[in-house]
Amino acid sequence: MKAEIPPAASPRLSSLLGYAYKLTKTPGDMTEADLEPLRNAGVDDAEISHSAQVISYFNYINRIADGLGVDLETWMPQPT
C-alpha cells in the first residue's frame, strides 16, 4: 500500500507524506528503515519526532471521535 504523492512535492515533503501515510495505515509495520527516506531528504531527528507526534495525535483524536460517534460540526463538509 503506497500513498499517492503529488508529483510536484519536494523530496522532503514526499518523504514526510509517505511516512505519515504508513504510520497512519499500518503503524505496526513501522521499522527503523522507514526513517531512512526522511533522513536522506534532510529531515532531522527532532523533526521526525515532532512529525510522529503530530501524526499520531491526529490519528488518536480521530479514532476517539469515531469510536464515540462524535458528529461533525454543522459547518463542516460531510465526507463523501
Protein backbone atom coordinates (compact mmCIF):
# COMPACT_ATOMS: atom_id res chain seq x y z
CA MET A 1 0.00 0.00 0.00
CA LYS A 2 1.56 3.26 -1.11
CA ALA A 3 0.34 6.81 -0.84
CA GLU A 4 -0.20 8.81 -3.97
CA ILE A 5 2.25 11.66 -3.51
CA PRO A 6 1.67 14.78 -5.62
CA PRO A 7 4.28 14.89 -8.39
CA ALA A 8 5.22 18.48 -7.52
CA ALA A 9 6.08 17.53 -3.94
CA SER A 10 9.69 18.13 -2.93
CA PRO A 11 11.73 15.11 -1.81
CA ARG A 12 11.40 16.36 1.77
CA LEU A 13 7.62 16.71 1.60
CA SER A 14 7.30 13.46 -0.32
CA SER A 15 9.21 11.57 2.38
CA LEU A 16 7.10 13.13 5.15
CA LEU A 17 3.86 12.30 3.34
CA GLY A 18 4.97 8.71 2.80
CA TYR A 19 5.92 8.41 6.47
CA ALA A 20 2.58 9.88 7.58
CA TYR A 21 0.68 7.52 5.30
CA LYS A 22 2.41 4.39 6.57
CA LEU A 23 2.24 5.48 10.22
CA THR A 24 -1.50 6.08 9.78
CA LYS A 25 -2.38 2.97 7.78
CA THR A 26 -0.01 0.31 9.12
CA PRO A 27 1.63 1.56 12.34
CA GLY A 28 2.61 -1.95 13.42
CA ASP A 29 4.75 -2.34 10.30
CA MET A 30 6.97 0.69 11.04
CA THR A 31 10.69 -0.06 11.35
CA GLU A 32 13.92 1.89 11.63
CA ALA A 33 14.20 1.62 7.83
CA ASP A 34 11.15 3.90 7.50
CA LEU A 35 13.25 6.75 8.87
CA GLU A 36 15.92 6.49 6.16
CA PRO A 37 13.95 8.34 3.44
CA LEU A 38 13.27 11.13 5.91
CA ARG A 39 16.92 11.47 6.90
CA ASN A 40 18.01 11.23 3.26
CA ALA A 41 15.67 14.14 2.47
CA GLY A 42 17.23 16.28 5.23
CA VAL A 43 14.65 15.76 7.98
CA ASP A 44 16.47 15.73 11.33
CA ASP A 45 15.62 13.60 14.35
CA ALA A 46 13.78 16.39 16.18
CA GLU A 47 11.60 16.99 13.11
CA ILE A 48 10.95 13.25 12.80
CA SER A 49 9.90 13.13 16.45
CA HIS A 50 7.60 16.14 16.07
CA SER A 51 6.11 14.69 12.89
CA ALA A 52 5.44 11.32 14.54
CA GLN A 53 3.77 13.05 17.49
CA VAL A 54 1.51 15.23 15.33
CA ILE A 55 0.58 12.35 13.01
CA SER A 56 -0.13 10.06 15.96
CA TYR A 57 -2.14 12.70 17.80
CA PHE A 58 -4.44 13.27 14.82
CA ASN A 59 -4.86 9.51 14.35
CA TYR A 60 -5.69 9.16 18.05
CA ILE A 61 -8.19 12.01 18.23
CA ASN A 62 -9.94 10.89 15.03
CA ARG A 63 -10.30 7.36 16.41
CA ILE A 64 -11.70 8.70 19.69
CA ALA A 65 -14.22 10.83 17.80
CA ASP A 66 -15.19 7.95 15.50
CA GLY A 67 -15.36 5.48 18.39
CA LEU A 68 -17.63 7.71 20.42
CA GLY A 69 -19.81 8.68 17.48
CA VAL A 70 -18.93 12.35 17.66
CA ASP A 71 -20.78 14.21 14.93
CA LEU A 72 -19.17 16.79 12.69
CA GLU A 73 -19.91 20.42 13.40
CA THR A 74 -22.73 21.74 11.22
CA TRP A 75 -20.32 23.95 9.26
CA MET A 76 -18.03 21.02 8.34
CA PRO A 77 -18.46 19.30 4.97
CA GLN A 78 -19.76 15.74 5.16
CA PRO A 79 -17.37 13.06 3.89
CA THR A 80 -18.30 11.53 0.56
